[in-house]
Amino acid sequence: MNMAFAAMMGWCGTMWPGWFLWWLIHHGGRPPIPDPEPWWRNLVRGVIGAIGGLGAVIIIGPDFSNPGLVGTGVLAFFGGVFLGSLADSVMAAGRGQVRG
């Protein structure tokens, strides 16, 4: 059950911080409607985030004696953020959209 929760939290971390940064920069309001993407890209991004969440809980989780539900959720969330962002960067580099 703990690993299923970690996978769900990792999946949730894949769409963050895009909406949050937009909200901070524009001081609230509704975010713009995103460009339509193929459905499979969001599915792949979510699966990669779930793997990142599981990986973070499996690799970093034993360093904490008793993280509890919130600790496991936060760890998995940011594991999904990390791996999801890495996957987005690799996909952008493959398309030649990286600015540097």
PDB file of N, CA and C in Angstrom:
ATOM      1  N   MET A   1       0.824  -1.195   0.000  1.00  0.00           N
ATOM      2  CA  MET A   1       0.000   0.000   0.000  1.00  0.00           C
ATOM      3  C   MET A   1       0.864   1.254   0.000  1.00  0.00           C
ATOM      4  N   ASN A   2       1.985   1.176   0.723  1.00  0.00           N
ATOM      5  CA  ASN A   2       2.892   2.306   0.786  1.00  0.00           C
ATOM      6  C   ASN A   2       3.478   2.612  -0.598  1.00  0.00           C
ATOM      7  N   MET A   3       3.801   1.582  -1.373  1.00  0.00           N
ATOM      8  CA  MET A   3       4.376   1.795  -2.702  1.00  0.00           C
ATOM      9  C   MET A   3       3.327   2.339  -3.677  1.00  0.00           C
ATOM     10  N   ALA A   4       2.072   1.916  -3.530  1.00  0.00           N
ATOM     11  CA  ALA A   4       1.010   2.464  -4.382  1.00  0.00           C
ATOM     12  C   ALA A   4       0.809   3.948  -4.085  1.00  0.00           C
ATOM     13  N   PHE A   5       0.868   4.313  -2.809  1.00  0.00           N
ATOM     14  CA  PHE A   5       0.758   5.725  -2.431  1.00  0.00           C
ATOM     15  C   PHE A   5       1.931   6.520  -2.989  1.00  0.00           C
ATOM     16  N   ALA A   6       3.145   5.952  -2.922  1.00  0.00           N
ATOM     17  CA  ALA A   6       4.323   6.629  -3.454  1.00  0.00           C
ATOM     18  C   ALA A   6       4.200   6.828  -4.965  1.00  0.00           C
ATOM     19  N   ALA A   7       3.683   5.837  -5.669  1.00  0.00           N
ATOM     20  CA  ALA A   7       3.500   5.961  -7.114  1.00  0.00           C
ATOM     21  C   ALA A   7       2.470   7.042  -7.452  1.00  0.00           C
ATOM     22  N   MET A   8       1.381   7.098  -6.686  1.00  0.00           N
ATOM     23  CA  MET A   8       0.363   8.136  -6.927  1.00  0.00           C
ATOM     24  C   MET A   8       0.932   9.524  -6.688  1.00  0.00           C
ATOM     25  N   MET A   9       1.690   9.689  -5.610  1.00  0.00           N
ATOM     26  CA  MET A   9       2.271  11.002  -5.311  1.00  0.00           C
ATOM     27  C   MET A   9       3.328  11.379  -6.341  1.00  0.00           C
ATOM     28  N   GLY A  10       4.083  10.413  -6.823  1.00  0.00           N
ATOM     29  CA  GLY A  10       5.053  10.685  -7.878  1.00  0.00           C
ATOM     30  C   GLY A  10       4.380  11.129  -9.161  1.00  0.00           C
ATOM     31  N   TRP A  11       3.248  10.499  -9.499  1.00  0.00           N
ATOM     32  CA  TRP A  11       2.478  10.894 -10.681  1.00  0.00           C
ATOM     33  C   TRP A  11       1.997  12.335 -10.528  1.00  0.00           C
ATOM     34  N   CYS A  12       1.544  12.700  -9.324  1.00  0.00           N
ATOM     35  CA  CYS A  12       1.066  14.062  -9.086  1.00  0.00           C
ATOM     36  C   CYS A  12       2.184  15.090  -9.217  1.00  0.00           C
ATOM     37  N   GLY A  13       3.407  14.698  -8.939  1.00  0.00           N
ATOM     38  CA  GLY A  13       4.517  15.634  -9.001  1.00  0.00           C
ATOM     39  C   GLY A  13       4.957  15.992 -10.401  1.00  0.00           C
ATOM     40  N   THR A  14       4.473  15.293 -11.417  1.00  0.00           N
ATOM     41  CA  THR A  14       4.976  15.552 -12.766  1.00  0.00           C
ATOM     42  C   THR A  14       4.459  16.848 -13.363  1.00  0.00           C
ATOM     43  N   MET A  15       3.313  17.330 -12.974  1.00  0.00           N
ATOM     44  CA  MET A  15       2.772  18.565 -13.549  1.00  0.00           C
ATOM     45  C   MET A  15       3.154  19.799 -12.743  1.00  0.00           C
ATOM     46  N   TRP A  16       3.840  19.622 -11.655  1.00  0.00           N
ATOM     47  CA  TRP A  16       4.282  20.711 -10.816  1.00  0.00           C
ATOM     48  C   TRP A  16       5.736  20.963 -11.144  1.00  0.00           C
ATOM     49  N   PRO A  17       6.316  22.103 -11.179  1.00  0.00           N
ATOM     50  CA  PRO A  17       5.879  23.397 -10.704  1.00  0.00           C
ATOM     51  C   PRO A  17       5.345  24.312 -11.800  1.00  0.00           C
ATOM     52  N   GLY A  18       5.035  23.804 -12.980  1.00  0.00           N
ATOM     53  CA  GLY A  18       4.600  24.667 -14.075  1.00  0.00           C
ATOM     54  C   GLY A  18       3.438  25.579 -13.727  1.00  0.00           C
ATOM     55  N   TRP A  19       2.355  25.015 -13.198  1.00  0.00           N
ATOM     56  CA  TRP A  19       1.180  25.836 -12.873  1.00  0.00           C
ATOM     57  C   TRP A  19       1.468  26.747 -11.692  1.00  0.00           C
ATOM     58  N   PHE A  20       2.278  26.280 -10.740  1.00  0.00           N
ATOM     59  CA  PHE A  20       2.560  27.069  -9.554  1.00  0.00           C
ATOM     60  C   PHE A  20       3.420  28.286  -9.895  1.00  0.00           C
ATOM     61  N   LEU A  21       4.420  28.097 -10.743  1.00  0.00           N
ATOM     62  CA  LEU A  21       5.260  29.235 -11.155  1.00  0.00           C
ATOM     63  C   LEU A  21       4.448  30.260 -11.938  1.00  0.00           C
ATOM     64  N   TRP A  22       3.550  29.788 -12.806  1.00  0.00           N
ATOM     65  CA  TRP A  22       2.705  30.717 -13.562  1.00  0.00           C
ATOM     66  C   TRP A  22       1.836  31.520 -12.600  1.00  0.00           C
ATOM     67  N   TRP A  23       1.303  30.845 -11.591  1.00  0.00           N
ATOM     68  CA  TRP A  23       0.443  31.512 -10.625  1.00  0.00           C
ATOM     69  C   TRP A  23       1.224  32.556  -9.832  1.00  0.00           C
ATOM     70  N   LEU A  24       2.469  32.245  -9.442  1.00  0.00           N
ATOM     71  CA  LEU A  24       3.288  33.207  -8.714  1.00  0.00           C
ATOM     72  C   LEU A  24       3.658  34.417  -9.572  1.00  0.00           C
ATOM     73  N   ILE A  25       4.038  34.167 -10.799  1.00  0.00           N
ATOM     74  CA  ILE A  25       4.471  35.261 -11.677  1.00  0.00           C
ATOM     75  C   ILE A  25       3.314  36.192 -12.008  1.00  0.00           C
ATOM     76  N   HIS A  26       2.139  35.632 -12.234  1.00  0.00           N
ATOM     77  CA  HIS A  26       0.986  36.436 -12.654  1.00  0.00           C
ATOM     78  C   HIS A  26       0.043  36.768 -11.502  1.00  0.00           C
ATOM     79  N   HIS A  27       0.451  36.500 -10.265  1.00  0.00           N
ATOM     80  CA  HIS A  27      -0.308  36.864  -9.065  1.00  0.00           C
ATOM     81  C   HIS A  27      -1.727  36.306  -9.074  1.00  0.00           C
ATOM     82  N   GLY A  28      -1.839  35.045  -9.317  1.00  0.00           N
ATOM     83  CA  GLY A  28      -3.135  34.385  -9.279  1.00  0.00           C
ATOM     84  C   GLY A  28      -3.815  34.400 -10.639  1.00  0.00           C
ATOM     85  N   GLY A  29      -5.096  34.249 -10.619  1.00  0.00           N
ATOM     86  CA  GLY A  29      -5.852  34.206 -11.862  1.00  0.00           C
ATOM     87  C   GLY A  29      -5.824  32.819 -12.467  1.00  0.00           C
ATOM     88  N   ARG A  30      -6.460  32.709 -13.600  1.00  0.00           N
ATOM     89  CA  ARG A  30      -6.532  31.417 -14.277  1.00  0.00           C
ATOM     90  C   ARG A  30      -5.326  31.251 -15.180  1.00  0.00           C
ATOM     91  N   PRO A  31      -4.718  30.070 -15.169  1.00  0.00           N
ATOM     92  CA  PRO A  31      -3.593  29.846 -16.083  1.00  0.00           C
ATOM     93  C   PRO A  31      -4.095  29.734 -17.525  1.00  0.00           C
ATOM     94  N   PRO A  32      -3.220  29.996 -18.480  1.00  0.00           N
ATOM     95  CA  PRO A  32      -3.655  29.887 -19.871  1.00  0.00           C
ATOM     96  C   PRO A  32      -3.956  28.437 -20.245  1.00  0.00           C
ATOM     97  N   ILE A  33      -4.778  28.259 -21.241  1.00  0.00           N
ATOM     98  CA  ILE A  33      -5.093  26.918 -21.720  1.00  0.00           C
ATOM     99  C   ILE A  33      -3.850  26.377 -22.420  1.00  0.00           C
ATOM    100  N   PRO A  34      -3.365  25.204 -22.002  1.00  0.00           N
ATOM    101  CA  PRO A  34      -2.131  24.696 -22.603  1.00  0.00           C
ATOM    102  C   PRO A  34      -2.347  24.241 -24.041  1.00  0.00           C
ATOM    103  N   ASP A  35      -1.239  24.212 -24.775  1.00  0.00           N
ATOM    104  CA  ASP A  35      -1.305  23.685 -26.129  1.00  0.00           C
ATOM    105  C   ASP A  35      -1.720  22.230 -26.065  1.00  0.00           C
ATOM    106  N   PRO A  36      -2.509  21.798 -27.037  1.00  0.00           N
ATOM    107  CA  PRO A  36      -2.921  20.390 -27.009  1.00  0.00           C
ATOM    108  C   PRO A  36      -1.705  19.488 -27.233  1.00  0.00           C
ATOM    109  N   GLU A  37      -1.560  18.529 -26.378  1.00  0.00           N
ATOM    110  CA  GLU A  37      -0.488  17.555 -26.506  1.00  0.00           C
ATOM    111  C   GLU A  37      -1.104  16.194 -26.755  1.00  0.00           C
ATOM    112  N   PRO A  38      -0.353  15.325 -27.375  1.00  0.00           N
ATOM    113  CA  PRO A  38      -0.875  13.966 -27.517  1.00  0.00           C
ATOM    114  C   PRO A  38      -1.125  13.346 -26.147  1.00  0.00           C
ATOM    115  N   TRP A  39      -2.177  12.550 -26.025  1.00  0.00           N
ATOM    116  CA  TRP A  39      -2.540  11.957 -24.748  1.00  0.00           C
ATOM    117  C   TRP A  39      -1.451  11.049 -24.226  1.00  0.00           C
ATOM    118  N   TRP A  40      -0.704  10.416 -25.121  1.00  0.00           N
ATOM    119  CA  TRP A  40       0.316   9.480 -24.684  1.00  0.00           C
ATOM    120  C   TRP A  40       1.477  10.189 -23.996  1.00  0.00           C
ATOM    121  N   ARG A  41       1.737  11.457 -24.335  1.00  0.00           N
ATOM    122  CA  ARG A  41       2.831  12.183 -23.700  1.00  0.00           C
ATOM    123  C   ARG A  41       2.533  12.414 -22.215  1.00  0.00           C
ATOM    124  N   ASN A  42       1.300  12.768 -21.895  1.00  0.00           N
ATOM    125  CA  ASN A  42       0.926  12.930 -20.491  1.00  0.00           C
ATOM    126  C   ASN A  42       0.959  11.599 -19.748  1.00  0.00           C
ATOM    127  N   LEU A  43       0.567  10.527 -20.421  1.00  0.00           N
ATOM    128  CA  LEU A  43       0.608   9.204 -19.803  1.00  0.00           C
ATOM    129  C   LEU A  43       2.045   8.790 -19.520  1.00  0.00           C
ATOM    130  N   VAL A  44       2.932   8.984 -20.480  1.00  0.00           N
ATOM    131  CA  VAL A  44       4.339   8.633 -20.279  1.00  0.00           C
ATOM    132  C   VAL A  44       4.942   9.487 -19.176  1.00  0.00           C
ATOM    133  N   ARG A  45       4.628  10.772 -19.156  1.00  0.00           N
ATOM    134  CA  ARG A  45       5.137  11.666 -18.114  1.00  0.00           C
ATOM    135  C   ARG A  45       4.651  11.209 -16.731  1.00  0.00           C
ATOM    136  N   GLY A  46       3.401  10.799 -16.640  1.00  0.00           N
ATOM    137  CA  GLY A  46       2.873  10.323 -15.363  1.00  0.00           C
ATOM    138  C   GLY A  46       3.523   9.027 -14.905  1.00  0.00           C
ATOM    139  N   VAL A  47       3.740   8.104 -15.838  1.00  0.00           N
ATOM    140  CA  VAL A  47       4.391   6.842 -15.483  1.00  0.00           C
ATOM    141  C   VAL A  47       5.830   7.104 -15.036  1.00  0.00           C
ATOM    142  N   ILE A  48       6.525   8.000 -15.724  1.00  0.00           N
ATOM    143  CA  ILE A  48       7.888   8.345 -15.319  1.00  0.00           C
ATOM    144  C   ILE A  48       7.875   8.980 -13.932  1.00  0.00           C
ATOM    145  N   GLY A  49       6.898   9.832 -13.658  1.00  0.00           N
ATOM    146  CA  GLY A  49       6.786  10.423 -12.329  1.00  0.00           C
ATOM    147  C   GLY A  49       6.493   9.386 -11.263  1.00  0.00           C
ATOM    148  N   ALA A  50       5.644   8.408 -11.580  1.00  0.00           N
ATOM    149  CA  ALA A  50       5.346   7.338 -10.621  1.00  0.00           C
ATOM    150  C   ALA A  50       6.605   6.526 -10.333  1.00  0.00           C
ATOM    151  N   ILE A  51       7.398   6.261 -11.364  1.00  0.00           N
ATOM    152  CA  ILE A  51       8.659   5.547 -11.163  1.00  0.00           C
ATOM    153  C   ILE A  51       9.609   6.388 -10.307  1.00  0.00           C
ATOM    154  N   GLY A  52       9.631   7.709 -10.539  1.00  0.00           N
ATOM    155  CA  GLY A  52      10.463   8.586  -9.724  1.00  0.00           C
ATOM    156  C   GLY A  52      10.033   8.603  -8.268  1.00  0.00           C
ATOM    157  N   GLY A  53       8.727   8.600  -8.036  1.00  0.00           N
ATOM    158  CA  GLY A  53       8.225   8.549  -6.666  1.00  0.00           C
ATOM    159  C   GLY A  53       8.590   7.259  -5.970  1.00  0.00           C
ATOM    160  N   LEU A  54       8.430   6.139  -6.676  1.00  0.00           N
ATOM    161  CA  LEU A  54       8.814   4.848  -6.098  1.00  0.00           C
ATOM    162  C   LEU A  54      10.314   4.801  -5.842  1.00  0.00           C
ATOM    163  N   GLY A  55      11.087   5.296  -6.811  1.00  0.00           N
ATOM    164  CA  GLY A  55      12.540   5.280  -6.656  1.00  0.00           C
ATOM    165  C   GLY A  55      12.996   6.107  -5.470  1.00  0.00           C
ATOM    166  N   ALA A  56      12.392   7.275  -5.288  1.00  0.00           N
ATOM    167  CA  ALA A  56      12.774   8.124  -4.156  1.00  0.00           C
ATOM    168  C   ALA A  56      12.443   7.448  -2.832  1.00  0.00           C
ATOM    169  N   VAL A  57      11.280   6.817  -2.754  1.00  0.00           N
ATOM    170  CA  VAL A  57      10.901   6.143  -1.505  1.00  0.00           C
ATOM    171  C   VAL A  57      11.780   4.922  -1.247  1.00  0.00           C
ATOM    172  N   ILE A  58      12.128   4.198  -2.289  1.00  0.00           N
ATOM    173  CA  ILE A  58      12.957   2.998  -2.114  1.00  0.00           C
ATOM    174  C   ILE A  58      14.408   3.371  -1.797  1.00  0.00           C
ATOM    175  N   ILE A  59      14.931   4.405  -2.478  1.00  0.00           N
ATOM    176  CA  ILE A  59      16.343   4.751  -2.312  1.00  0.00           C
ATOM    177  C   ILE A  59      16.578   5.646  -1.094  1.00  0.00           C
ATOM    178  N   ILE A  60      15.802   6.715  -0.959  1.00  0.00           N
ATOM    179  CA  ILE A  60      16.032   7.694   0.104  1.00  0.00           C
ATOM    180  C   ILE A  60      15.218   7.367   1.353  1.00  0.00           C
ATOM    181  N   GLY A  61      14.107   6.699   1.192  1.00  0.00           N
ATOM    182  CA  GLY A  61      13.219   6.401   2.314  1.00  0.00           C
ATOM    183  C   GLY A  61      13.858   5.705   3.499  1.00  0.00           C
ATOM    184  N   PRO A  62      14.739   4.711   3.283  1.00  0.00           N
ATOM    185  CA  PRO A  62      15.348   4.045   4.443  1.00  0.00           C
ATOM    186  C   PRO A  62      16.230   4.958   5.307  1.00  0.00           C
ATOM    187  N   ASP A  63      16.622   6.120   4.796  1.00  0.00           N
ATOM    188  CA  ASP A  63      17.429   7.043   5.594  1.00  0.00           C
ATOM    189  C   ASP A  63      16.626   7.685   6.719  1.00  0.00           C
ATOM    190  N   PHE A  64      15.318   7.631   6.637  1.00  0.00           N
ATOM    191  CA  PHE A  64      14.449   8.208   7.667  1.00  0.00           C
ATOM    192  C   PHE A  64      13.889   7.068   8.511  1.00  0.00           C
ATOM    193  N   SER A  65      13.927   7.220   9.811  1.00  0.00           N
ATOM    194  CA  SER A  65      13.519   6.119  10.697  1.00  0.00           C
ATOM    195  C   SER A  65      12.029   5.821  10.596  1.00  0.00           C
ATOM    196  N   ASN A  66      11.183   6.860  10.604  1.00  0.00           N
ATOM    197  CA  ASN A  66       9.744   6.647  10.518  1.00  0.00           C
ATOM    198  C   ASN A  66       9.119   7.879   9.864  1.00  0.00           C
ATOM    199  N   PRO A  67       9.126   7.962   8.514  1.00  0.00           N
ATOM    200  CA  PRO A  67       8.644   9.178   7.867  1.00  0.00           C
ATOM    201  C   PRO A  67       7.132   9.367   7.955  1.00  0.00           C
ATOM    202  N   GLY A  68       6.384   8.309   8.126  1.00  0.00           N
ATOM    203  CA  GLY A  68       4.930   8.420   8.178  1.00  0.00           C
ATOM    204  C   GLY A  68       4.332   8.687   6.810  1.00  0.00           C
ATOM    205  N   LEU A  69       3.040   8.907   6.788  1.00  0.00           N
ATOM    206  CA  LEU A  69       2.318   9.104   5.534  1.00  0.00           C
ATOM    207  C   LEU A  69       2.706  10.405   4.849  1.00  0.00           C
ATOM    208  N   VAL A  70       2.798  11.491   5.600  1.00  0.00           N
ATOM    209  CA  VAL A  70       3.136  12.793   5.012  1.00  0.00           C
ATOM    210  C   VAL A  70       4.564  12.791   4.496  1.00  0.00           C
ATOM    211  N   GLY A  71       5.485  12.237   5.269  1.00  0.00           N
ATOM    212  CA  GLY A  71       6.878  12.174   4.839  1.00  0.00           C
ATOM    213  C   GLY A  71       7.051  11.344   3.577  1.00  0.00           C
ATOM    214  N   THR A  72       6.364  10.220   3.503  1.00  0.00           N
ATOM    215  CA  THR A  72       6.419   9.380   2.312  1.00  0.00           C
ATOM    216  C   THR A  72       5.820  10.106   1.118  1.00  0.00           C
ATOM    217  N   GLY A  73       4.709  10.819   1.335  1.00  0.00           N
ATOM    218  CA  GLY A  73       4.073  11.557   0.246  1.00  0.00           C
ATOM    219  C   GLY A  73       4.943  12.671  -0.287  1.00  0.00           C
ATOM    220  N   VAL A  74       5.570  13.417   0.606  1.00  0.00           N
ATOM    221  CA  VAL A  74       6.444  14.518   0.169  1.00  0.00           C
ATOM    222  C   VAL A  74       7.662  13.977  -0.567  1.00  0.00           C
ATOM    223  N   LEU A  75       8.256  12.930  -0.056  1.00  0.00           N
ATOM    224  CA  LEU A  75       9.419  12.328  -0.697  1.00  0.00           C
ATOM    225  C   LEU A  75       9.071  11.808  -2.087  1.00  0.00           C
ATOM    226  N   ALA A  76       7.950  11.124  -2.216  1.00  0.00           N
ATOM    227  CA  ALA A  76       7.523  10.594  -3.509  1.00  0.00           C
ATOM    228  C   ALA A  76       7.153  11.715  -4.468  1.00  0.00           C
ATOM    229  N   PHE A  77       6.501  12.765  -3.959  1.00  0.00           N
ATOM    230  CA  PHE A  77       6.104  13.889  -4.797  1.00  0.00           C
ATOM    231  C   PHE A  77       7.326  14.528  -5.452  1.00  0.00           C
ATOM    232  N   PHE A  78       8.335  14.809  -4.639  1.00  0.00           N
ATOM    233  CA  PHE A  78       9.511  15.462  -5.193  1.00  0.00           C
ATOM    234  C   PHE A  78      10.388  14.508  -6.000  1.00  0.00           C
ATOM    235  N   GLY A  79      10.288  13.206  -5.745  1.00  0.00           N
ATOM    236  CA  GLY A  79      10.925  12.235  -6.638  1.00  0.00           C
ATOM    237  C   GLY A  79      10.277  12.270  -8.013  1.00  0.00           C
ATOM    238  N   GLY A  80       8.951  12.397  -8.049  1.00  0.00           N
ATOM    239  CA  GLY A  80       8.246  12.533  -9.322  1.00  0.00           C
ATOM    240  C   GLY A  80       8.555  13.836 -10.020  1.00  0.00           C
ATOM    241  N   VAL A  81       8.696  14.922  -9.243  1.00  0.00           N
ATOM    242  CA  VAL A  81       9.071  16.219  -9.822  1.00  0.00           C
ATOM    243  C   VAL A  81      10.439  16.109 -10.485  1.00  0.00           C
ATOM    244  N   PHE A  82      11.389  15.503  -9.786  1.00  0.00           N
ATOM    245  CA  PHE A  82      12.742  15.399 -10.310  1.00  0.00           C
ATOM    246  C   PHE A  82      12.786  14.577 -11.595  1.00  0.00           C
ATOM    247  N   LEU A  83      12.238  13.374 -11.558  1.00  0.00           N
ATOM    248  CA  LEU A  83      12.323  12.509 -12.733  1.00  0.00           C
ATOM    249  C   LEU A  83      11.449  13.027 -13.869  1.00  0.00           C
ATOM    250  N   GLY A  84      10.290  13.612 -13.550  1.00  0.00           N
ATOM    251  CA  GLY A  84       9.446  14.193 -14.596  1.00  0.00           C
ATOM    252  C   GLY A  84      10.112  15.380 -15.277  1.00  0.00           C
ATOM    253  N   SER A  85      10.769  16.229 -14.506  1.00  0.00           N
ATOM    254  CA  SER A  85      11.485  17.372 -15.083  1.00  0.00           C
ATOM    255  C   SER A  85      12.663  16.909 -15.928  1.00  0.00           C
ATOM    256  N   LEU A  86      13.350  15.883 -15.455  1.00  0.00           N
ATOM    257  CA  LEU A  86      14.463  15.334 -16.218  1.00  0.00           C
ATOM    258  C   LEU A  86      13.970  14.764 -17.546  1.00  0.00           C
ATOM    259  N   ALA A  87      12.854  14.057 -17.520  1.00  0.00           N
ATOM    260  CA  ALA A  87      12.298  13.494 -18.752  1.00  0.00           C
ATOM    261  C   ALA A  87      11.845  14.599 -19.707  1.00  0.00           C
ATOM    262  N   ASP A  88      11.227  15.656 -19.181  1.00  0.00           N
ATOM    263  CA  ASP A  88      10.827  16.776 -20.038  1.00  0.00           C
ATOM    264  C   ASP A  88      12.035  17.442 -20.674  1.00  0.00           C
ATOM    265  N   SER A  89      13.124  17.583 -19.925  1.00  0.00           N
ATOM    266  CA  SER A  89      14.338  18.190 -20.460  1.00  0.00           C
ATOM    267  C   SER A  89      14.939  17.329 -21.561  1.00  0.00           C
ATOM    268  N   VAL A  90      14.946  16.023 -21.367  1.00  0.00           N
ATOM    269  CA  VAL A  90      15.485  15.123 -22.389  1.00  0.00           C
ATOM    270  C   VAL A  90      14.616  15.167 -23.642  1.00  0.00           C
ATOM    271  N   MET A  91      13.281  15.195 -23.465  1.00  0.00           N
ATOM    272  CA  MET A  91      12.393  15.278 -24.629  1.00  0.00           C
ATOM    273  C   MET A  91      12.571  16.592 -25.358  1.00  0.00           C
ATOM    274  N   ALA A  92      12.740  17.699 -24.621  1.00  0.00           N
ATOM    275  CA  ALA A  92      12.957  19.001 -25.260  1.00  0.00           C
ATOM    276  C   ALA A  92      14.297  19.029 -25.985  1.00  0.00           C
ATOM    277  N   ALA A  93      15.317  18.401 -25.412  1.00  0.00           N
ATOM    278  CA  ALA A  93      16.623  18.364 -26.067  1.00  0.00           C
ATOM    279  C   ALA A  93      16.542  17.546 -27.355  1.00  0.00           C
ATOM    280  N   GLY A  94      15.746  16.504 -27.335  1.00  0.00           N
ATOM    281  CA  GLY A  94      15.562  15.695 -28.532  1.00  0.00           C
ATOM    282  C   GLY A  94      14.851  16.440 -29.643  1.00  0.00           C
ATOM    283  N   ARG A  95      13.975  17.364 -29.262  1.00  0.00           N
ATOM    284  CA  ARG A  95      13.266  18.162 -30.266  1.00  0.00           C
ATOM    285  C   ARG A  95      14.047  19.407 -30.648  1.00  0.00           C
ATOM    286  N   GLY A  96      15.138  19.681 -29.959  1.00  0.00           N
ATOM    287  CA  GLY A  96      15.944  20.859 -30.244  1.00  0.00           C
ATOM    288  C   GLY A  96      15.379  22.141 -29.690  1.00  0.00           C
ATOM    289  N   GLN A  97      14.642  22.066 -28.566  1.00  0.00           N
ATOM    290  CA  GLN A  97      14.013  23.255 -27.995  1.00  0.00           C
ATOM    291  C   GLN A  97      14.706  23.760 -26.745  1.00  0.00           C
ATOM    292  N   VAL A  98      15.910  23.281 -26.478  1.00  0.00           N
ATOM    293  CA  VAL A  98      16.612  23.702 -25.272  1.00  0.00           C
ATOM    294  C   VAL A  98      17.317  25.020 -25.538  1.00  0.00           C
ATOM    295  N   ARG A  99      17.102  25.971 -24.642  1.00  0.00           N
ATOM    296  CA  ARG A  99      17.780  27.266 -24.752  1.00  0.00           C
ATOM    297  C   ARG A  99      18.915  27.286 -23.756  1.00  0.00           C
ATOM    298  N   GLY A 100      20.015  27.822 -24.146  1.00  0.00           N
ATOM    299  CA  GLY A 100      21.092  27.827 -23.173  1.00  0.00           C
ATOM    300  C   GLY A 100      22.151  28.812 -23.421  1.00  0.00           C
TER     301      GLY A 100
END
